[in-house]
Each structure stands twice: as structure tokens, then as C-alpha cells.
Amino acid sequence: MPVSWTADLDTGIDVIDKQHRRIVDYINQLEDATKRKDQSVVRQVVDDCVDYTMSHFAFEESLQEEAAYAYAKPHKRVHELFAKRVGEYQARVAQGEDVGAELHDLLGRWLINHIKRDDADYVAAVKASMQAIIREKEKKGGWLKRFFKR
């Protein structure tokens, strides 16, 4: 069954929500490839999904670090454990094992739970940090603003 994006998955941080939606797209592509029993496409989708998700994790972790989020290290650890688990599936797929349906179910369940629980917890800290950066930039003004004041 495809993973559907619902409003309760929105964090309110546009860049993160777009990345999460992209991961949902990969999960649904995995389901399609698994149904078609196309192992080469399954392998490619899994590899692409893992690569994209790892870059998403790194981005998310950098936002948390910048925001001095109190639970950044445990959140990173959750990412690391999940990456290890998915890496095992990735290796099995590379060996030709048919684990597409099992992996699809794992990815869908994990992502939804992770967004609703773990990610929801850091949103306030990251938003506050982002707003502080924007206020600071507005206070200083940009080079274009300074140029036109002359």
C-alpha cells in the first residue's frame, strides 16, 4: 500500500517537509518496482533512497546543531541505527534477495513514526533558530539594501 502524505506529517519547516515528501516518493517507487518484480529497479530505488535519506539526515542534524537542540545527539543516534538497519537491507537487495515488500513496509512505518515523534520534537528549536537568523540578517540588511541607501 502506498504511503500517503497527510497534513499531520508537516513540520512547518518547508525545506524539511519537501525532503520528507521526496523520501515518501522513493518509498512509493520501491513499492511499484517490487510489484513489477523488477529487481534492477528495486536495487536502484533502494540505492537512491538511501543516498537521499542520508543527505537529509545530515541536513536535519546540522539544523539541530545550529539550533542547539538539546536532543541532537540522541536524534543523530536514531538516524545512525536506522541507517545501519537499512544498510543491511540494501546489502541483501544487492545480493539479489527479494526484500522489496518487507523494506517498503519498514520504511513507511519508520518514516511516519519518526516524523510524528522524533522530528516533531525538534521543530520549535529549529524554527526559533531560523527566525533568529532571519531577524539578524534583516537587522544588518543585505548588501543590496545598503547599496540603495547611498
Protein backbone atom coordinates (compact mmCIF):
# COMPACT_ATOMS: atom_id res chain seq x y z
CA MET A 1 0.00 0.00 0.00
CA PRO A 2 1.46 3.38 -0.97
CA VAL A 3 2.49 5.84 1.72
CA SER A 4 0.30 8.93 1.60
CA TRP A 5 1.43 12.34 2.73
CA THR A 6 -1.04 13.81 5.20
CA ALA A 7 -1.12 17.24 6.83
CA ASP A 8 -0.17 15.80 10.23
CA LEU A 9 3.26 14.96 8.77
CA ASP A 10 4.06 18.62 8.04
CA THR A 11 6.68 20.01 10.39
CA GLY A 12 6.11 23.59 9.28
CA ILE A 13 9.72 23.77 8.08
CA ASP A 14 9.27 23.88 4.32
CA VAL A 15 12.67 22.53 3.32
CA ILE A 16 12.32 19.56 5.71
CA ASP A 17 8.76 18.85 4.55
CA LYS A 18 9.90 18.82 0.91
CA GLN A 19 12.69 16.39 1.76
CA HIS A 20 10.30 14.14 3.67
CA ARG A 21 7.90 14.14 0.72
CA ARG A 22 10.77 13.14 -1.58
CA ILE A 23 11.54 10.20 0.70
CA VAL A 24 7.86 9.20 0.54
CA ASP A 25 8.15 9.29 -3.27
CA TYR A 26 11.11 6.89 -3.10
CA ILE A 27 9.18 4.56 -0.78
CA ASN A 28 6.28 4.51 -3.23
CA GLN A 29 8.64 3.92 -6.17
CA LEU A 30 10.01 0.95 -4.24
CA GLU A 31 6.51 -0.46 -3.90
CA ASP A 32 5.89 -0.08 -7.64
CA ALA A 33 9.18 -1.75 -8.58
CA THR A 34 8.52 -4.57 -6.10
CA LYS A 35 5.05 -5.20 -7.55
CA ARG A 36 6.57 -5.36 -11.05
CA LYS A 37 9.22 -7.76 -9.69
CA ASP A 38 11.92 -5.65 -11.34
CA GLN A 39 14.93 -6.34 -9.13
CA SER A 40 17.21 -3.96 -11.03
CA VAL A 41 14.78 -1.08 -10.46
CA VAL A 42 14.29 -2.15 -6.84
CA ARG A 43 18.06 -2.04 -6.34
CA GLN A 44 18.33 1.39 -7.99
CA VAL A 45 15.43 2.85 -5.99
CA VAL A 46 16.84 1.47 -2.73
CA ASP A 47 20.28 2.94 -3.50
CA ASP A 48 18.79 6.31 -4.47
CA CYS A 49 16.52 6.35 -1.42
CA VAL A 50 19.40 5.53 0.94
CA ASP A 51 21.65 8.20 -0.61
CA TYR A 52 18.93 10.84 -0.44
CA THR A 53 17.91 9.90 3.09
CA MET A 54 21.50 10.06 4.35
CA SER A 55 21.88 13.57 2.94
CA HIS A 56 18.53 14.50 4.52
CA PHE A 57 19.71 13.18 7.88
CA ALA A 58 22.92 15.21 7.65
CA PHE A 59 20.96 18.36 6.77
CA GLU A 60 18.46 17.82 9.57
CA GLU A 61 21.26 17.18 12.06
CA SER A 62 23.05 20.39 11.01
CA LEU A 63 19.86 22.39 11.62
CA GLN A 64 19.53 20.82 15.06
CA GLU A 65 23.14 21.56 15.89
CA GLU A 66 22.79 25.17 14.74
CA ALA A 67 19.68 25.50 16.91
CA ALA A 68 21.47 23.99 19.92
CA TYR A 69 18.67 21.42 20.12
CA ALA A 70 19.07 19.61 23.44
CA TYR A 71 18.47 16.14 21.97
CA ALA A 72 20.53 16.49 18.79
CA LYS A 73 22.91 13.67 19.74
CA PRO A 74 20.18 11.13 20.58
CA HIS A 75 18.35 12.12 17.38
CA LYS A 76 21.53 11.54 15.39
CA ARG A 77 21.88 8.16 17.08
CA VAL A 78 18.35 7.23 15.96
CA HIS A 79 19.39 8.13 12.40
CA GLU A 80 22.57 6.05 12.69
CA LEU A 81 20.72 2.97 13.96
CA PHE A 82 18.14 3.27 11.21
CA ALA A 83 20.84 3.73 8.55
CA LYS A 84 22.57 0.58 9.79
CA ARG A 85 19.33 -1.38 9.62
CA VAL A 86 18.50 -0.14 6.13
CA GLY A 87 22.10 -0.78 5.06
CA GLU A 88 21.57 -4.44 5.87
CA TYR A 89 18.52 -4.50 3.60
CA GLN A 90 20.48 -2.65 0.92
CA ALA A 91 23.15 -5.37 1.03
CA ARG A 92 20.51 -8.08 0.77
CA VAL A 93 18.96 -6.36 -2.25
CA ALA A 94 22.39 -6.07 -3.85
CA GLN A 95 22.79 -9.85 -3.42
CA GLY A 96 19.54 -10.39 -5.28
CA GLU A 97 17.28 -11.12 -2.34
CA ASP A 98 13.65 -10.18 -2.80
CA VAL A 99 13.10 -7.95 0.25
CA GLY A 100 11.33 -5.08 -1.52
CA ALA A 101 7.94 -5.55 0.15
CA GLU A 102 9.48 -6.04 3.59
CA LEU A 103 11.69 -2.98 3.15
CA HIS A 104 8.78 -0.90 1.85
CA ASP A 105 6.76 -1.70 4.97
CA LEU A 106 9.69 -0.91 7.26
CA LEU A 107 10.47 2.41 5.53
CA GLY A 108 6.86 3.56 5.51
CA ARG A 109 6.22 2.74 9.16
CA TRP A 110 9.55 4.10 10.36
CA LEU A 111 9.31 7.38 8.45
CA ILE A 112 5.78 8.16 9.63
CA ASN A 113 6.64 7.37 13.26
CA HIS A 114 9.93 9.26 13.07
CA ILE A 115 8.33 12.41 11.67
CA LYS A 116 5.43 12.37 14.13
CA ARG A 117 7.56 11.68 17.19
CA ASP A 118 11.28 12.42 16.83
CA ASP A 119 11.12 15.17 14.24
CA ALA A 120 8.14 16.90 15.82
CA ASP A 121 10.21 17.30 18.96
CA TYR A 122 12.94 19.47 17.35
CA VAL A 123 10.66 21.73 15.28
CA ALA A 124 10.26 24.51 17.85
CA ALA A 125 14.02 24.80 18.45
CA VAL A 126 14.88 24.80 14.75
CA LYS A 127 12.15 27.29 13.85
CA ALA A 128 13.28 29.64 16.61
CA SER A 129 16.87 29.39 15.37
CA MET A 130 15.84 30.04 11.76
CA GLN A 131 13.74 33.04 12.79
CA ALA A 132 16.65 34.47 14.81
CA ILE A 133 18.93 34.17 11.77
CA ILE A 134 16.36 35.92 9.58
CA ARG A 135 15.91 38.73 12.12
CA GLU A 136 19.67 39.19 12.36
CA LYS A 137 20.02 39.38 8.58
CA GLU A 138 17.15 41.88 8.36
CA LYS A 139 18.69 43.95 11.14
CA LYS A 140 22.04 44.09 9.34
CA GLY A 141 20.45 44.50 5.94
CA GLY A 142 21.83 42.97 2.82
CA TRP A 143 24.45 44.43 0.52
CA LEU A 144 21.71 45.38 -1.95
CA LYS A 145 19.79 47.27 0.72
CA ARG A 146 22.97 49.11 1.78
CA PHE A 147 23.80 49.90 -1.84
CA PHE A 148 20.47 51.58 -2.49
CA LYS A 149 20.72 53.65 0.71
CA ARG A 150 23.69 55.53 -0.78
